[in-house]
């Protein structure tokens, strides 16, 4: 519960910062007709929406395992991260549509000193949030925080693009503004791909731990003659494993049980992300 409470607190703080950044960029972008600033502000607003989705996902994952969900509710966290990826895709499509309309309607944005001030300040806020959130996500092994940090990090890149676009527009190249929006859309699409790739790994039960490393650890245990059929699945921080070991056929049930329990404890201690292990005992030669 302490881990979930820390993640929830971090998301709340980041939500406040993201909403402030989004409002500043979007509002002044509308006033000055800067598509680049509007696009960046819209992107930041989805950062805030991502935080809300993350908070909902944490609420759904908090209940303990029950009769209907014996493995717990942790995959709701992956679903929440997947929702973030989905919204990133929608943002990308929206920006492409706005860029197209800007070209066809020949909109000329206005660039002022306030434009540069807002973009530089919000860029600094985004840089701080992205690094802090990624570090805390790694420490707490949270898919939601890590996915959201990628989203926020893309804001840093897009803000740099917007600043370059403002310089170009001020120099008389207004057509650069929609080009910046297209560039931002490309960054968002890449970010969505990174987030959704990890979500798919969780939801499709991709391998989470190196089988060879697990086998070496098990084979170092006295009494184990062979280890095979090593399988892992789950979230990156919440992994389930099952494997088979061979023992002497004459080993008593009690000693085999003690050996299996020792292996389970050893593996959970060795692999921090491991939540549960099931060891199948097989007599050598069968």
Protein backbone atom coordinates (compact mmCIF):
# COMPACT_ATOMS: atom_id res chain seq x y z
CA UNK A 1 0.00 0.00 0.00
CA UNK A 2 2.94 2.33 0.64
CA UNK A 3 4.06 1.92 -2.99
CA UNK A 4 0.59 2.74 -4.33
CA UNK A 5 0.30 5.74 -2.03
CA UNK A 6 3.65 7.11 -3.26
CA UNK A 7 2.66 6.63 -6.91
CA UNK A 8 -0.71 8.29 -6.29
CA UNK A 9 0.92 11.29 -4.61
CA UNK A 10 3.41 11.72 -7.47
CA UNK A 11 0.64 11.58 -10.08
CA UNK A 12 -1.38 14.24 -8.23
CA UNK A 13 1.55 16.66 -8.15
CA UNK A 14 2.35 16.03 -11.81
CA UNK A 15 -1.32 16.53 -12.74
CA UNK A 16 -1.26 20.04 -11.27
CA UNK A 17 1.98 20.94 -13.09
CA UNK A 18 0.77 19.50 -16.41
CA UNK A 19 -2.51 21.40 -16.30
CA UNK A 20 -0.70 24.68 -15.57
CA UNK A 21 1.74 24.11 -18.44
CA UNK A 22 -1.03 23.11 -20.86
CA UNK A 23 -3.18 26.13 -20.04
CA UNK A 24 -0.30 28.58 -20.53
CA UNK A 25 0.78 27.21 -23.92
CA UNK A 26 -2.68 26.60 -25.36
CA UNK A 27 -4.22 29.91 -24.27
CA UNK A 28 -1.41 32.06 -25.64
CA UNK A 29 -1.28 29.94 -28.77
CA UNK A 30 -4.93 30.72 -29.41
CA UNK A 31 -4.38 34.44 -28.79
CA UNK A 32 -1.44 34.60 -31.22
CA UNK A 33 -2.83 32.01 -33.70
CA UNK A 34 0.29 29.87 -33.23
CA UNK A 35 -0.57 26.33 -34.26
CA UNK A 36 2.72 25.09 -32.80
CA UNK A 37 1.93 26.46 -29.34
CA UNK A 38 -1.65 25.20 -29.50
CA UNK A 39 -0.43 21.76 -30.52
CA UNK A 40 2.09 21.69 -27.69
CA UNK A 41 -0.53 22.88 -25.23
CA UNK A 42 -2.95 20.24 -26.43
CA UNK A 43 -0.22 17.63 -26.03
CA UNK A 44 0.40 18.82 -22.47
CA UNK A 45 -3.32 18.65 -21.69
CA UNK A 46 -3.20 14.98 -22.58
CA UNK A 47 -0.39 14.66 -20.04
CA UNK A 48 -2.93 15.77 -17.46
CA UNK A 49 -5.51 13.32 -18.80
CA UNK A 50 -2.87 10.59 -18.60
CA UNK A 51 -2.38 11.41 -14.92
CA UNK A 52 -6.12 11.07 -14.31
CA UNK A 53 -6.16 7.71 -16.11
CA UNK A 54 -3.15 6.65 -14.06
CA UNK A 55 -4.94 7.51 -10.81
CA UNK A 56 -7.98 5.50 -11.90
CA UNK A 57 -5.71 2.59 -12.84
CA UNK A 58 -4.09 2.65 -9.40
CA UNK A 59 -7.50 2.59 -7.74
CA UNK A 60 -8.44 -0.47 -9.82
CA UNK A 61 -5.19 -2.33 -9.01
CA UNK A 62 -5.27 -1.71 -5.25
CA UNK A 63 -7.68 -4.52 -4.17
CA UNK A 64 -5.94 -7.73 -3.03
CA UNK A 65 -6.39 -11.06 -4.91
CA UNK A 66 -9.85 -12.57 -4.57
CA UNK A 67 -11.80 -15.64 -5.73
CA UNK A 68 -12.44 -14.13 -9.18
CA UNK A 69 -8.93 -12.70 -9.56
CA UNK A 70 -6.52 -15.09 -7.81
CA UNK A 71 -3.53 -13.40 -9.47
CA UNK A 72 -4.65 -9.97 -8.29
CA UNK A 73 -5.72 -6.91 -10.27
CA UNK A 74 -2.32 -5.61 -11.40
CA UNK A 75 -3.09 -5.83 -15.13
CA UNK A 76 -5.47 -2.92 -14.73
CA UNK A 77 -2.24 -0.90 -14.49
CA UNK A 78 -1.26 -2.14 -17.95
CA UNK A 79 -4.72 -1.28 -19.27
CA UNK A 80 -4.36 2.24 -17.86
CA UNK A 81 -0.96 2.61 -19.54
CA UNK A 82 -2.55 1.32 -22.77
CA UNK A 83 -5.20 4.03 -22.50
CA UNK A 84 -2.43 6.61 -22.31
CA UNK A 85 -0.94 5.15 -25.50
CA UNK A 86 -4.34 5.29 -27.18
CA UNK A 87 -4.81 8.95 -26.31
CA UNK A 88 -1.35 9.68 -27.69
CA UNK A 89 -2.42 8.18 -31.01
CA UNK A 90 -5.57 10.37 -31.02
CA UNK A 91 -3.45 13.43 -30.27
CA UNK A 92 -1.20 12.62 -33.21
CA UNK A 93 -4.16 12.38 -35.59
CA UNK A 94 -5.63 15.63 -34.27
CA UNK A 95 -2.40 17.54 -34.82
CA UNK A 96 -2.06 16.26 -38.36
CA UNK A 97 -5.60 17.45 -39.08
CA UNK A 98 -4.84 20.91 -37.56
CA UNK A 99 -1.67 21.20 -39.64
CA UNK A 100 -3.60 20.40 -42.80
CA UNK A 101 -6.22 23.05 -42.01
CA UNK A 102 -3.51 25.60 -41.29
CA UNK A 103 -1.95 25.02 -44.70
CA UNK A 104 -5.26 25.18 -46.54
CA UNK A 105 -6.50 28.29 -44.66
CA UNK A 106 -3.10 30.12 -44.85
CA UNK A 107 -3.04 31.16 -41.17
CA UNK A 108 -0.23 33.55 -40.11
CA UNK A 109 0.67 33.28 -36.42
CA UNK A 110 1.90 36.20 -34.30
CA UNK A 111 5.17 35.82 -32.37
CA UNK A 112 5.96 37.97 -29.31
CA UNK A 113 8.45 38.00 -26.46
CA UNK A 114 5.77 36.48 -24.24
CA UNK A 115 5.58 33.53 -26.65
CA UNK A 116 9.26 32.75 -26.04
CA UNK A 117 8.95 33.32 -22.28
CA UNK A 118 6.03 30.91 -21.93
CA UNK A 119 7.70 28.21 -24.00
CA UNK A 120 11.04 28.42 -22.15
CA UNK A 121 9.44 28.33 -18.69
CA UNK A 122 7.10 25.46 -19.53
CA UNK A 123 9.97 23.56 -21.17
CA UNK A 124 11.90 23.78 -17.90
CA UNK A 125 8.89 22.50 -15.95
CA UNK A 126 8.43 19.59 -18.35
CA UNK A 127 12.11 18.66 -18.18
CA UNK A 128 11.97 18.54 -14.38
CA UNK A 129 8.71 16.53 -14.35
CA UNK A 130 9.89 13.98 -16.95
CA UNK A 131 13.17 13.23 -15.17
CA UNK A 132 11.60 13.10 -11.71
CA UNK A 133 8.69 10.91 -12.84
CA UNK A 134 10.94 8.47 -14.73
CA UNK A 135 13.27 8.17 -11.74
CA UNK A 136 10.40 7.55 -9.33
CA UNK A 137 8.75 5.14 -11.77
CA UNK A 138 11.94 3.09 -11.93
CA UNK A 139 12.34 3.14 -8.15
CA UNK A 140 8.70 2.11 -7.56
CA UNK A 141 8.59 -0.20 -10.61
CA UNK A 142 5.43 1.47 -11.87
CA UNK A 143 4.36 0.96 -15.50
CA UNK A 144 2.02 3.93 -15.17
CA UNK A 145 4.71 6.38 -14.02
CA UNK A 146 7.22 5.19 -16.60
CA UNK A 147 4.66 5.37 -19.43
CA UNK A 148 3.58 8.82 -18.31
CA UNK A 149 7.20 10.00 -18.07
CA UNK A 150 7.68 9.10 -21.75
CA UNK A 151 4.63 11.21 -22.53
CA UNK A 152 5.99 14.14 -20.55
CA UNK A 153 9.46 13.71 -22.06
CA UNK A 154 7.97 14.06 -25.52
CA UNK A 155 6.73 17.47 -24.37
CA UNK A 156 10.35 18.54 -23.87
CA UNK A 157 11.18 17.63 -27.46
CA UNK A 158 8.05 19.21 -28.88
CA UNK A 159 8.61 22.43 -26.92
CA UNK A 160 12.09 22.67 -28.46
CA UNK A 161 10.49 22.25 -31.88
CA UNK A 162 7.93 24.94 -31.12
CA UNK A 163 10.70 27.34 -30.05
CA UNK A 164 12.51 26.71 -33.33
CA UNK A 165 9.26 27.26 -35.16
CA UNK A 166 8.66 30.57 -33.40
CA UNK A 167 12.11 31.76 -34.47
CA UNK A 168 11.34 30.76 -38.08
CA UNK A 169 7.94 32.48 -38.05
CA UNK A 170 9.48 35.64 -36.62
CA UNK A 171 11.98 35.56 -39.48
CA UNK A 172 9.12 35.53 -41.99
CA UNK A 173 8.68 31.80 -42.64
CA UNK A 174 5.08 31.29 -41.45
CA UNK A 175 4.80 27.91 -43.23
CA UNK A 176 7.16 26.45 -40.61
CA UNK A 177 4.42 26.62 -37.93
CA UNK A 178 2.29 23.76 -39.35
CA UNK A 179 5.49 21.82 -40.13
CA UNK A 180 6.35 21.97 -36.43
CA UNK A 181 2.90 20.56 -35.66
CA UNK A 182 3.59 17.64 -38.02
CA UNK A 183 6.96 17.06 -36.33
CA UNK A 184 5.26 17.03 -32.93
CA UNK A 185 2.75 14.51 -34.25
CA UNK A 186 5.64 12.26 -35.30
CA UNK A 187 7.22 12.46 -31.83
CA UNK A 188 3.89 11.64 -30.23
CA UNK A 189 3.42 8.65 -32.56
CA UNK A 190 6.84 7.29 -31.58
CA UNK A 191 6.05 7.76 -27.89
CA UNK A 192 2.75 5.94 -28.33
CA UNK A 193 4.60 3.04 -29.93
CA UNK A 194 7.01 2.76 -26.96
CA UNK A 195 4.16 2.80 -24.44
CA UNK A 196 1.94 0.34 -26.33
CA UNK A 197 4.82 -2.07 -26.92
CA UNK A 198 5.35 -2.54 -23.19
CA UNK A 199 1.59 -2.77 -22.59
CA UNK A 200 1.33 -5.56 -25.17
CA UNK A 201 4.23 -7.37 -23.49
CA UNK A 202 2.25 -7.35 -20.25
CA UNK A 203 -1.13 -8.29 -21.69
CA UNK A 204 0.19 -11.03 -24.01
CA UNK A 205 2.28 -12.70 -21.29
CA UNK A 206 5.66 -12.01 -22.89
CA UNK A 207 8.77 -13.43 -21.19
CA UNK A 208 9.79 -11.19 -18.28
CA UNK A 209 12.95 -12.86 -16.93
CA UNK A 210 15.85 -14.50 -18.74
CA UNK A 211 15.25 -18.30 -18.55
CA UNK A 212 18.97 -19.04 -18.66
CA UNK A 213 19.67 -16.78 -15.70
CA UNK A 214 16.87 -18.45 -13.77
CA UNK A 215 18.16 -21.91 -14.70
CA UNK A 216 21.68 -21.09 -13.48
CA UNK A 217 20.29 -19.91 -10.16
CA UNK A 218 18.19 -23.05 -9.71
CA UNK A 219 20.99 -25.43 -10.78
CA UNK A 220 23.25 -23.96 -8.10
CA UNK A 221 20.91 -25.47 -5.48
CA UNK A 222 22.08 -28.77 -4.00
CA UNK A 223 19.81 -31.68 -4.92
CA UNK A 224 18.60 -30.27 -8.26
CA UNK A 225 19.64 -32.50 -11.19
CA UNK A 226 17.97 -30.51 -13.98
CA UNK A 227 15.74 -27.48 -14.54
CA UNK A 228 13.51 -26.83 -17.54
CA UNK A 229 10.15 -25.45 -18.74
CA UNK A 230 10.85 -22.06 -17.17
CA UNK A 231 7.98 -19.67 -17.84
CA UNK A 232 7.45 -16.08 -16.71
CA UNK A 233 4.66 -13.59 -17.34
CA UNK A 234 2.98 -10.51 -15.89
CA UNK A 235 3.96 -6.86 -15.49
CA UNK A 236 7.58 -5.76 -15.42
CA UNK A 237 7.37 -5.28 -11.63
CA UNK A 238 4.89 -8.09 -10.86
CA UNK A 239 6.14 -11.35 -12.39
CA UNK A 240 4.77 -14.88 -11.99
CA UNK A 241 6.97 -17.91 -12.70
CA UNK A 242 6.64 -21.66 -12.94
CA UNK A 243 9.36 -24.21 -13.68
CA UNK A 244 10.18 -27.91 -13.38
CA UNK A 245 13.13 -29.51 -11.61
CA UNK A 246 14.47 -33.06 -11.59
CA UNK A 247 15.44 -34.76 -8.31
CA UNK A 248 16.57 -38.22 -7.26
CA UNK A 249 13.67 -40.70 -7.60
CA UNK A 250 14.30 -41.93 -4.06
CA UNK A 251 13.89 -38.46 -2.51
CA UNK A 252 11.04 -38.41 0.00
CA UNK A 253 8.00 -36.21 -0.55
CA UNK A 254 8.87 -34.16 2.52
CA UNK A 255 12.44 -33.46 1.36
CA UNK A 256 11.25 -32.68 -2.18
CA UNK A 257 8.75 -30.21 -0.76
CA UNK A 258 11.45 -28.59 1.38
CA UNK A 259 13.73 -28.33 -1.68
CA UNK A 260 10.98 -26.73 -3.79
CA UNK A 261 10.11 -24.24 -1.06
CA UNK A 262 13.77 -23.28 -0.72
CA UNK A 263 14.05 -22.68 -4.47
CA UNK A 264 10.93 -20.52 -4.48
CA UNK A 265 12.27 -18.38 -1.62
CA UNK A 266 15.71 -18.10 -3.23
CA UNK A 267 14.28 -16.94 -6.57
CA UNK A 268 11.96 -14.35 -5.01
CA UNK A 269 14.90 -12.95 -3.04
CA UNK A 270 17.14 -12.90 -6.11
CA UNK A 271 14.68 -11.39 -8.62
CA UNK A 272 13.08 -8.30 -7.10
CA UNK A 273 10.18 -8.20 -9.60
CA UNK A 274 9.18 -11.81 -8.89
CA UNK A 275 5.86 -12.08 -7.07
CA UNK A 276 5.19 -15.81 -7.04
CA UNK A 277 6.95 -19.06 -8.09
CA UNK A 278 5.56 -22.56 -8.60
CA UNK A 279 8.13 -25.39 -8.70
CA UNK A 280 7.11 -28.73 -10.24
CA UNK A 281 9.02 -31.77 -8.94
CA UNK A 282 9.92 -34.57 -11.37
CA UNK A 283 11.94 -37.72 -10.62
CA UNK A 284 15.10 -38.03 -12.70
CA UNK A 285 14.67 -40.42 -15.63
CA UNK A 286 10.93 -39.87 -16.03
